[in-house]
Amino acid sequence: MDLKTLDFIFPFVSFFYGSLVLFVLEIPLLKKITHNGEKSLLAISLREQLLVHKPLAWICFFVGGLWSLQNLLI
C-alpha cells in the first residue's frame, strides 16, 4: 500500500470509527439498560469504556467527515 492510497483511505476509517462509537453511545436500548434498574455489569462497563472515547469519537467524526468530503471533491 503506497502513501497516496493510505492518504485516501485514512479519513474514511477515521469517520467510520467516530460514527460507530457515537452511534453505539446513542442507542436508546443501551442507555435504558445502563440507566434503569437492569444493572448488567457488562453493559455498564462497556458504556463506561465507550464514554472515555466519546471526545475522540466527536473529533474523528467531524475531522474524518470533512477530510473525506475533501478527498471526494478533489
N, C-alpha and C. Protein backbone atom coordinates (compact mmCIF):
# COMPACT_ATOMS: atom_id res chain seq x y z
N MET A 1 0.86 -1.17 0.00
CA MET A 1 0.00 0.00 0.00
C MET A 1 0.91 1.24 0.00
N ASP A 2 0.69 2.11 -0.94
CA ASP A 2 1.51 3.32 -1.01
C ASP A 2 0.86 4.45 -0.21
N LEU A 3 1.58 5.55 -0.06
CA LEU A 3 1.10 6.66 0.76
C LEU A 3 -0.14 7.34 0.17
N LYS A 4 -0.25 7.36 -1.13
CA LYS A 4 -1.40 8.00 -1.76
C LYS A 4 -2.70 7.24 -1.42
N THR A 5 -2.62 5.93 -1.48
CA THR A 5 -3.78 5.11 -1.14
C THR A 5 -4.12 5.24 0.35
N LEU A 6 -3.10 5.21 1.19
CA LEU A 6 -3.31 5.36 2.62
C LEU A 6 -3.90 6.73 2.95
N ASP A 7 -3.44 7.76 2.28
CA ASP A 7 -3.97 9.11 2.49
C ASP A 7 -5.43 9.20 2.06
N PHE A 8 -5.82 8.42 1.08
CA PHE A 8 -7.22 8.43 0.65
C PHE A 8 -8.11 7.63 1.59
N ILE A 9 -7.62 6.50 2.11
CA ILE A 9 -8.44 5.61 2.94
C ILE A 9 -8.56 6.08 4.38
N PHE A 10 -7.51 6.66 4.96
CA PHE A 10 -7.48 7.01 6.38
C PHE A 10 -8.65 7.89 6.83
N PRO A 11 -9.04 8.94 6.09
CA PRO A 11 -10.17 9.75 6.56
C PRO A 11 -11.48 8.97 6.65
N PHE A 12 -11.68 8.02 5.76
CA PHE A 12 -12.90 7.21 5.81
C PHE A 12 -12.89 6.30 7.04
N VAL A 13 -11.73 5.75 7.38
CA VAL A 13 -11.61 4.91 8.57
C VAL A 13 -11.87 5.75 9.82
N SER A 14 -11.30 6.94 9.85
CA SER A 14 -11.50 7.83 11.00
C SER A 14 -12.97 8.21 11.14
N PHE A 15 -13.62 8.56 10.05
CA PHE A 15 -15.03 8.92 10.07
C PHE A 15 -15.89 7.73 10.51
N PHE A 16 -15.55 6.53 10.03
CA PHE A 16 -16.29 5.33 10.40
C PHE A 16 -16.16 5.05 11.89
N TYR A 17 -14.95 5.20 12.45
CA TYR A 17 -14.74 4.99 13.88
C TYR A 17 -15.59 5.96 14.70
N GLY A 18 -15.54 7.23 14.35
CA GLY A 18 -16.33 8.23 15.07
C GLY A 18 -17.82 7.95 14.97
N SER A 19 -18.27 7.61 13.79
CA SER A 19 -19.70 7.32 13.59
C SER A 19 -20.13 6.10 14.39
N LEU A 20 -19.32 5.06 14.39
CA LEU A 20 -19.68 3.83 15.09
C LEU A 20 -19.75 4.05 16.60
N VAL A 21 -18.76 4.71 17.18
CA VAL A 21 -18.76 4.93 18.63
C VAL A 21 -19.93 5.82 19.03
N LEU A 22 -20.18 6.88 18.29
CA LEU A 22 -21.28 7.78 18.62
C LEU A 22 -22.63 7.09 18.45
N PHE A 23 -22.76 6.26 17.43
CA PHE A 23 -24.00 5.52 17.22
C PHE A 23 -24.28 4.57 18.37
N VAL A 24 -23.25 3.85 18.81
CA VAL A 24 -23.43 2.90 19.90
C VAL A 24 -23.76 3.63 21.20
N LEU A 25 -23.14 4.78 21.43
CA LEU A 25 -23.43 5.52 22.66
C LEU A 25 -24.83 6.12 22.67
N GLU A 26 -25.41 6.35 21.52
CA GLU A 26 -26.73 6.98 21.45
C GLU A 26 -27.87 6.00 21.23
N ILE A 27 -27.60 4.71 21.23
CA ILE A 27 -28.66 3.71 21.09
C ILE A 27 -29.55 3.77 22.33
N PRO A 28 -30.86 4.01 22.16
CA PRO A 28 -31.75 4.12 23.33
C PRO A 28 -31.77 2.87 24.20
N LEU A 29 -31.68 1.70 23.59
CA LEU A 29 -31.71 0.46 24.36
C LEU A 29 -30.53 0.38 25.32
N LEU A 30 -29.34 0.72 24.86
CA LEU A 30 -28.17 0.67 25.73
C LEU A 30 -28.26 1.73 26.83
N LYS A 31 -28.78 2.89 26.50
CA LYS A 31 -28.96 3.92 27.53
C LYS A 31 -29.96 3.44 28.58
N LYS A 32 -31.05 2.82 28.14
CA LYS A 32 -32.08 2.36 29.07
C LYS A 32 -31.55 1.26 29.98
N ILE A 33 -30.78 0.35 29.44
CA ILE A 33 -30.25 -0.76 30.24
C ILE A 33 -29.28 -0.23 31.31
N THR A 34 -28.44 0.73 30.94
CA THR A 34 -27.43 1.19 31.89
C THR A 34 -27.97 2.21 32.88
N HIS A 35 -29.07 2.89 32.57
CA HIS A 35 -29.59 3.91 33.47
C HIS A 35 -30.75 3.42 34.33
N ASN A 36 -31.46 2.40 33.88
CA ASN A 36 -32.62 1.91 34.65
C ASN A 36 -32.20 0.80 35.61
N GLY A 37 -33.14 0.10 36.12
CA GLY A 37 -32.92 -0.91 37.14
C GLY A 37 -32.15 -2.13 36.69
N GLU A 38 -32.12 -2.42 35.40
CA GLU A 38 -31.42 -3.61 34.92
C GLU A 38 -29.92 -3.35 34.96
N LYS A 39 -29.27 -3.77 36.01
CA LYS A 39 -27.86 -3.49 36.20
C LYS A 39 -27.00 -4.61 35.62
N SER A 40 -26.86 -4.61 34.33
CA SER A 40 -25.99 -5.58 33.68
C SER A 40 -24.56 -5.05 33.74
N LEU A 41 -23.71 -5.78 34.41
CA LEU A 41 -22.33 -5.33 34.60
C LEU A 41 -21.61 -5.17 33.27
N LEU A 42 -21.88 -6.05 32.32
CA LEU A 42 -21.24 -5.97 31.02
C LEU A 42 -21.66 -4.70 30.29
N ALA A 43 -22.93 -4.39 30.29
CA ALA A 43 -23.42 -3.20 29.60
C ALA A 43 -22.88 -1.93 30.25
N ILE A 44 -22.82 -1.91 31.57
CA ILE A 44 -22.33 -0.73 32.27
C ILE A 44 -20.84 -0.52 31.99
N SER A 45 -20.05 -1.60 32.05
CA SER A 45 -18.61 -1.43 31.81
C SER A 45 -18.34 -1.07 30.35
N LEU A 46 -19.11 -1.64 29.42
CA LEU A 46 -18.95 -1.29 28.00
C LEU A 46 -19.27 0.19 27.78
N ARG A 47 -20.34 0.65 28.38
CA ARG A 47 -20.72 2.05 28.23
C ARG A 47 -19.67 2.98 28.85
N GLU A 48 -19.14 2.61 30.01
CA GLU A 48 -18.11 3.43 30.64
C GLU A 48 -16.86 3.50 29.79
N GLN A 49 -16.47 2.39 29.17
CA GLN A 49 -15.31 2.38 28.29
C GLN A 49 -15.54 3.27 27.07
N LEU A 50 -16.73 3.19 26.51
CA LEU A 50 -17.02 4.00 25.33
C LEU A 50 -17.14 5.48 25.66
N LEU A 51 -17.63 5.80 26.84
CA LEU A 51 -17.74 7.21 27.23
C LEU A 51 -16.36 7.87 27.33
N VAL A 52 -15.34 7.10 27.65
CA VAL A 52 -13.98 7.64 27.68
C VAL A 52 -13.55 8.03 26.26
N HIS A 53 -14.02 7.30 25.27
CA HIS A 53 -13.64 7.54 23.88
C HIS A 53 -14.53 8.56 23.17
N LYS A 54 -15.54 9.06 23.85
CA LYS A 54 -16.51 9.94 23.20
C LYS A 54 -15.89 11.23 22.65
N PRO A 55 -15.01 11.94 23.38
CA PRO A 55 -14.41 13.15 22.80
C PRO A 55 -13.60 12.85 21.53
N LEU A 56 -12.85 11.75 21.57
CA LEU A 56 -12.08 11.36 20.38
C LEU A 56 -13.02 10.99 19.23
N ALA A 57 -14.13 10.36 19.55
CA ALA A 57 -15.10 9.98 18.52
C ALA A 57 -15.69 11.21 17.84
N TRP A 58 -15.99 12.27 18.61
CA TRP A 58 -16.51 13.50 18.01
C TRP A 58 -15.47 14.14 17.09
N ILE A 59 -14.22 14.14 17.53
CA ILE A 59 -13.15 14.71 16.69
C ILE A 59 -13.01 13.90 15.41
N CYS A 60 -12.97 12.58 15.53
CA CYS A 60 -12.85 11.72 14.35
C CYS A 60 -14.05 11.87 13.43
N PHE A 61 -15.22 12.03 14.00
CA PHE A 61 -16.44 12.18 13.21
C PHE A 61 -16.37 13.43 12.34
N PHE A 62 -16.04 14.58 12.94
CA PHE A 62 -16.02 15.82 12.18
C PHE A 62 -14.79 15.95 11.28
N VAL A 63 -13.62 15.69 11.81
CA VAL A 63 -12.40 15.82 11.00
C VAL A 63 -12.38 14.78 9.89
N GLY A 64 -12.71 13.54 10.22
CA GLY A 64 -12.76 12.50 9.20
C GLY A 64 -13.82 12.77 8.15
N GLY A 65 -14.96 13.30 8.57
CA GLY A 65 -16.03 13.62 7.62
C GLY A 65 -15.63 14.74 6.66
N LEU A 66 -15.05 15.79 7.21
CA LEU A 66 -14.61 16.90 6.35
C LEU A 66 -13.47 16.49 5.44
N TRP A 67 -12.54 15.72 5.98
CA TRP A 67 -11.41 15.26 5.19
C TRP A 67 -11.87 14.30 4.09
N SER A 68 -12.82 13.43 4.39
CA SER A 68 -13.38 12.52 3.38
C SER A 68 -14.10 13.29 2.29
N LEU A 69 -14.83 14.31 2.70
CA LEU A 69 -15.53 15.14 1.72
C LEU A 69 -14.54 15.86 0.82
N GLN A 70 -13.46 16.34 1.40
CA GLN A 70 -12.42 16.99 0.59
C GLN A 70 -11.82 16.01 -0.41
N ASN A 71 -11.54 14.77 0.04
CA ASN A 71 -10.97 13.77 -0.86
C ASN A 71 -11.93 13.43 -1.99
N LEU A 72 -13.22 13.41 -1.70
CA LEU A 72 -14.19 13.07 -2.74
C LEU A 72 -14.38 14.21 -3.74
N LEU A 73 -14.26 15.45 -3.26
CA LEU A 73 -14.46 16.58 -4.16
C LEU A 73 -13.24 16.88 -5.03
N ILE A 74 -12.07 16.53 -4.54
CA ILE A 74 -10.85 16.83 -5.31
C ILE A 74 -10.48 15.73 -6.22
